[in-house]
């Protein structure tokens, strides 16, 4: 035979009755806490990805700047005169 009480459990002879409202409140609370935890973990993943992407783009731009400067230095270092017997003739 079913009891008229919603739910009960016995702890040291004390009967604890949990009503429908409290069960619903507990369910909503658990779902909210779970959602907050998962959203927080997702935010950490996204923040890490943005950080890594930004670092890679910065490194790529730095490589381009270094290559441009190296090309400019190579162009500036080209000899002005004519090479004769491995010597520069300044004519």
N, C-alpha and C. Protein backbone atom coordinates (compact mmCIF):
# COMPACT_ATOMS: atom_id res chain seq x y z
N UNK A 1 0.82 -1.17 0.00
CA UNK A 1 0.00 0.00 0.00
C UNK A 1 0.86 1.24 0.00
N UNK A 2 0.55 2.19 -0.87
CA UNK A 2 1.32 3.44 -0.99
C UNK A 2 0.92 4.40 0.10
N UNK A 3 1.94 5.14 0.56
CA UNK A 3 1.68 6.16 1.56
C UNK A 3 1.13 7.40 0.90
N UNK A 4 0.39 8.19 1.61
CA UNK A 4 -0.16 9.44 1.09
C UNK A 4 0.90 10.52 1.04
N UNK A 5 2.03 10.30 1.72
CA UNK A 5 3.12 11.28 1.72
C UNK A 5 3.89 11.18 0.41
N UNK A 6 4.38 12.33 -0.12
CA UNK A 6 5.09 12.32 -1.41
C UNK A 6 6.31 11.43 -1.41
N UNK A 7 7.25 11.63 -0.52
CA UNK A 7 8.45 10.81 -0.42
C UNK A 7 8.91 10.87 1.02
N UNK A 8 9.55 9.83 1.47
CA UNK A 8 10.11 9.88 2.81
C UNK A 8 11.30 8.96 2.87
N UNK A 9 12.21 9.28 3.77
CA UNK A 9 13.35 8.41 4.00
C UNK A 9 13.61 8.43 5.50
N UNK A 10 14.11 7.36 5.99
CA UNK A 10 14.34 7.25 7.42
C UNK A 10 15.81 7.42 7.72
N UNK A 11 16.13 8.41 8.55
CA UNK A 11 17.50 8.65 9.00
C UNK A 11 17.46 8.70 10.51
N UNK A 12 17.98 7.69 11.14
CA UNK A 12 18.01 7.60 12.60
C UNK A 12 16.62 7.75 13.20
N UNK A 13 15.63 7.16 12.56
CA UNK A 13 14.28 7.19 13.08
C UNK A 13 13.52 8.46 12.77
N UNK A 14 14.15 9.44 12.08
CA UNK A 14 13.49 10.68 11.73
C UNK A 14 12.97 10.55 10.30
N UNK A 15 11.75 10.89 10.09
CA UNK A 15 11.17 10.82 8.75
C UNK A 15 11.31 12.19 8.10
N UNK A 16 11.92 12.21 6.89
CA UNK A 16 12.11 13.45 6.14
C UNK A 16 11.18 13.40 4.94
N UNK A 17 10.32 14.39 4.82
CA UNK A 17 9.37 14.44 3.72
C UNK A 17 9.77 15.59 2.80
N UNK A 18 9.94 15.27 1.52
CA UNK A 18 10.31 16.28 0.53
C UNK A 18 9.12 16.48 -0.38
N UNK A 19 8.64 17.70 -0.45
CA UNK A 19 7.48 18.00 -1.27
C UNK A 19 7.86 18.23 -2.73
N UNK A 20 6.84 18.31 -3.56
CA UNK A 20 7.03 18.50 -4.99
C UNK A 20 7.76 19.81 -5.27
N UNK A 21 7.39 20.89 -4.59
CA UNK A 21 8.03 22.18 -4.80
C UNK A 21 9.53 22.11 -4.51
N UNK A 22 9.90 21.48 -3.39
CA UNK A 22 11.31 21.39 -3.03
C UNK A 22 12.08 20.51 -4.02
N UNK A 23 11.45 19.43 -4.48
CA UNK A 23 12.10 18.58 -5.49
C UNK A 23 12.35 19.37 -6.76
N UNK A 24 11.35 20.14 -7.19
CA UNK A 24 11.51 20.96 -8.39
C UNK A 24 12.59 22.02 -8.20
N UNK A 25 12.59 22.65 -7.02
CA UNK A 25 13.61 23.65 -6.71
C UNK A 25 15.01 23.03 -6.76
N UNK A 26 15.15 21.85 -6.16
CA UNK A 26 16.44 21.16 -6.16
C UNK A 26 16.87 20.79 -7.58
N UNK A 27 15.94 20.36 -8.40
CA UNK A 27 16.24 20.01 -9.79
C UNK A 27 16.70 21.24 -10.56
N UNK A 28 15.98 22.34 -10.40
CA UNK A 28 16.37 23.58 -11.08
C UNK A 28 17.73 24.06 -10.59
N UNK A 29 17.97 23.96 -9.31
CA UNK A 29 19.26 24.37 -8.75
C UNK A 29 20.39 23.52 -9.33
N UNK A 30 20.21 22.21 -9.38
CA UNK A 30 21.23 21.32 -9.95
C UNK A 30 21.48 21.62 -11.42
N UNK A 31 20.40 21.83 -12.18
CA UNK A 31 20.55 22.15 -13.60
C UNK A 31 21.29 23.48 -13.80
N UNK A 32 20.97 24.47 -12.96
CA UNK A 32 21.63 25.77 -13.06
C UNK A 32 23.11 25.66 -12.72
N UNK A 33 23.42 24.92 -11.66
CA UNK A 33 24.83 24.73 -11.28
C UNK A 33 25.59 23.98 -12.37
N UNK A 34 24.96 22.97 -12.94
CA UNK A 34 25.59 22.19 -14.01
C UNK A 34 25.84 23.07 -15.23
N UNK A 35 24.84 23.86 -15.59
CA UNK A 35 24.98 24.76 -16.75
C UNK A 35 26.10 25.76 -16.51
N UNK A 36 26.16 26.33 -15.32
CA UNK A 36 27.22 27.30 -15.01
C UNK A 36 28.60 26.65 -15.11
N UNK A 37 28.72 25.43 -14.61
CA UNK A 37 30.00 24.72 -14.68
C UNK A 37 30.40 24.48 -16.13
N UNK A 38 29.46 23.99 -16.95
CA UNK A 38 29.78 23.70 -18.35
C UNK A 38 30.07 24.98 -19.14
N UNK A 39 29.29 26.01 -18.91
CA UNK A 39 29.54 27.28 -19.60
C UNK A 39 30.91 27.82 -19.20
N UNK A 40 31.27 27.70 -17.94
CA UNK A 40 32.60 28.14 -17.49
C UNK A 40 33.72 27.37 -18.17
N UNK A 41 33.56 26.06 -18.28
CA UNK A 41 34.58 25.24 -18.95
C UNK A 41 34.69 25.61 -20.43
N UNK A 42 33.54 25.83 -21.07
CA UNK A 42 33.54 26.23 -22.48
C UNK A 42 34.22 27.58 -22.65
N UNK A 43 33.96 28.52 -21.73
CA UNK A 43 34.59 29.85 -21.79
C UNK A 43 36.10 29.74 -21.67
N UNK A 44 36.58 28.84 -20.80
CA UNK A 44 38.03 28.64 -20.66
C UNK A 44 38.61 28.09 -21.96
N UNK A 45 37.92 27.16 -22.59
CA UNK A 45 38.38 26.59 -23.86
C UNK A 45 38.43 27.67 -24.94
N UNK A 46 37.38 28.47 -25.03
CA UNK A 46 37.33 29.53 -26.05
C UNK A 46 38.41 30.58 -25.78
N UNK A 47 38.58 30.97 -24.52
CA UNK A 47 39.61 31.96 -24.18
C UNK A 47 41.00 31.44 -24.54
N UNK A 48 41.26 30.17 -24.26
CA UNK A 48 42.55 29.58 -24.62
C UNK A 48 42.75 29.55 -26.13
N UNK A 49 41.70 29.23 -26.86
CA UNK A 49 41.80 29.20 -28.33
C UNK A 49 42.07 30.59 -28.88
N UNK A 50 41.37 31.60 -28.35
CA UNK A 50 41.59 32.98 -28.81
C UNK A 50 43.03 33.41 -28.50
N UNK A 51 43.52 33.06 -27.32
CA UNK A 51 44.90 33.39 -26.95
C UNK A 51 45.88 32.73 -27.92
N UNK A 52 45.70 31.44 -28.20
CA UNK A 52 46.60 30.72 -29.09
C UNK A 52 46.55 31.28 -30.52
N UNK A 53 45.35 31.58 -31.00
CA UNK A 53 45.21 32.15 -32.34
C UNK A 53 45.89 33.51 -32.42
N UNK A 54 45.68 34.34 -31.40
CA UNK A 54 46.32 35.66 -31.38
C UNK A 54 47.84 35.54 -31.38
N UNK A 55 48.37 34.60 -30.61
CA UNK A 55 49.82 34.38 -30.57
C UNK A 55 50.34 33.97 -31.94
N UNK A 56 49.64 33.05 -32.61
CA UNK A 56 50.08 32.58 -33.93
C UNK A 56 50.03 33.71 -34.96
N UNK A 57 48.99 34.50 -34.93
CA UNK A 57 48.90 35.63 -35.88
C UNK A 57 50.02 36.62 -35.61
N UNK A 58 50.30 36.89 -34.34
CA UNK A 58 51.40 37.79 -33.99
C UNK A 58 52.75 37.27 -34.47
N UNK A 59 52.97 35.96 -34.28
CA UNK A 59 54.23 35.36 -34.76
C UNK A 59 54.33 35.44 -36.28
N UNK A 60 53.22 35.22 -36.96
CA UNK A 60 53.19 35.28 -38.43
C UNK A 60 53.53 36.69 -38.91
N UNK A 61 52.93 37.70 -38.29
CA UNK A 61 53.22 39.09 -38.66
C UNK A 61 54.69 39.42 -38.37
N UNK A 62 55.20 38.95 -37.23
CA UNK A 62 56.61 39.19 -36.89
C UNK A 62 57.54 38.56 -37.93
N UNK A 63 57.21 37.35 -38.37
CA UNK A 63 58.01 36.69 -39.42
C UNK A 63 58.02 37.54 -40.69
N UNK A 64 56.88 38.06 -41.07
CA UNK A 64 56.80 38.90 -42.27
C UNK A 64 57.64 40.16 -42.13
N UNK A 65 57.59 40.79 -40.96
CA UNK A 65 58.39 42.00 -40.72
C UNK A 65 59.87 41.67 -40.80
N UNK A 66 60.27 40.56 -40.17
CA UNK A 66 61.68 40.15 -40.21
C UNK A 66 62.14 39.88 -41.64
N UNK A 67 61.31 39.22 -42.44
CA UNK A 67 61.67 38.93 -43.84
C UNK A 67 61.80 40.22 -44.64
N UNK A 68 60.89 41.17 -44.42
CA UNK A 68 60.95 42.45 -45.13
C UNK A 68 62.22 43.21 -44.76
N UNK A 69 62.57 43.22 -43.46
CA UNK A 69 63.80 43.90 -43.03
C UNK A 69 65.04 43.22 -43.58
N UNK A 70 65.03 41.88 -43.62
CA UNK A 70 66.17 41.15 -44.17
C UNK A 70 66.33 41.45 -45.66
N UNK A 71 65.23 41.52 -46.39
CA UNK A 71 65.29 41.83 -47.82
C UNK A 71 65.82 43.25 -48.03
N UNK A 72 65.38 44.19 -47.19
CA UNK A 72 65.85 45.57 -47.30
C UNK A 72 67.34 45.65 -47.02
N UNK A 73 67.80 44.95 -45.96
CA UNK A 73 69.24 44.95 -45.64
C UNK A 73 70.04 44.32 -46.76
N UNK A 74 69.54 43.24 -47.35
CA UNK A 74 70.24 42.59 -48.46
C UNK A 74 70.32 43.52 -49.66
N UNK A 75 69.26 44.26 -49.92
CA UNK A 75 69.26 45.21 -51.03
C UNK A 75 70.24 46.35 -50.75
N UNK A 76 70.26 46.83 -49.51
CA UNK A 76 71.18 47.92 -49.14
C UNK A 76 72.64 47.48 -49.13
N UNK A 77 72.88 46.18 -48.90
CA UNK A 77 74.25 45.66 -48.84
C UNK A 77 74.82 45.32 -50.21
N UNK A 78 74.06 45.48 -51.27
CA UNK A 78 74.56 45.13 -52.59
C UNK A 78 75.72 46.06 -52.96
N UNK A 79 76.73 45.52 -53.67
CA UNK A 79 77.90 46.34 -53.99
C UNK A 79 77.55 47.49 -54.95
N UNK A 80 78.24 48.59 -54.75
CA UNK A 80 78.01 49.77 -55.56
C UNK A 80 78.88 49.73 -56.81
N UNK A 81 80.11 49.24 -56.67
CA UNK A 81 81.06 49.24 -57.79
C UNK A 81 81.06 47.91 -58.53
N UNK A 82 82.07 47.73 -59.39
CA UNK A 82 82.23 46.53 -60.17
C UNK A 82 83.28 45.65 -59.50
N UNK A 83 83.04 44.35 -59.46
CA UNK A 83 83.99 43.43 -58.83
C UNK A 83 85.05 43.08 -59.85
N UNK A 84 86.34 43.36 -59.51
CA UNK A 84 87.48 43.02 -60.35
C UNK A 84 88.48 42.32 -59.44
N UNK A 85 88.75 41.07 -59.75
CA UNK A 85 89.67 40.27 -58.94
C UNK A 85 89.27 40.28 -57.47
N UNK A 86 87.97 40.11 -57.20
CA UNK A 86 87.41 40.08 -55.85
C UNK A 86 87.63 41.37 -55.09
N UNK A 87 87.86 42.44 -55.80
CA UNK A 87 88.01 43.75 -55.18
C UNK A 87 86.95 44.67 -55.77
N UNK A 88 86.55 45.63 -55.04
CA UNK A 88 85.57 46.59 -55.55
C UNK A 88 86.30 47.75 -56.18
N UNK A 89 85.92 48.05 -57.40
CA UNK A 89 86.47 49.19 -58.11
C UNK A 89 85.46 50.32 -57.98
N UNK A 90 85.85 51.41 -57.43
CA UNK A 90 84.94 52.51 -57.17
C UNK A 90 84.96 53.54 -58.32
N UNK A 91 84.75 53.10 -59.57
CA UNK A 91 84.77 54.02 -60.69
C UNK A 91 83.45 54.63 -60.93
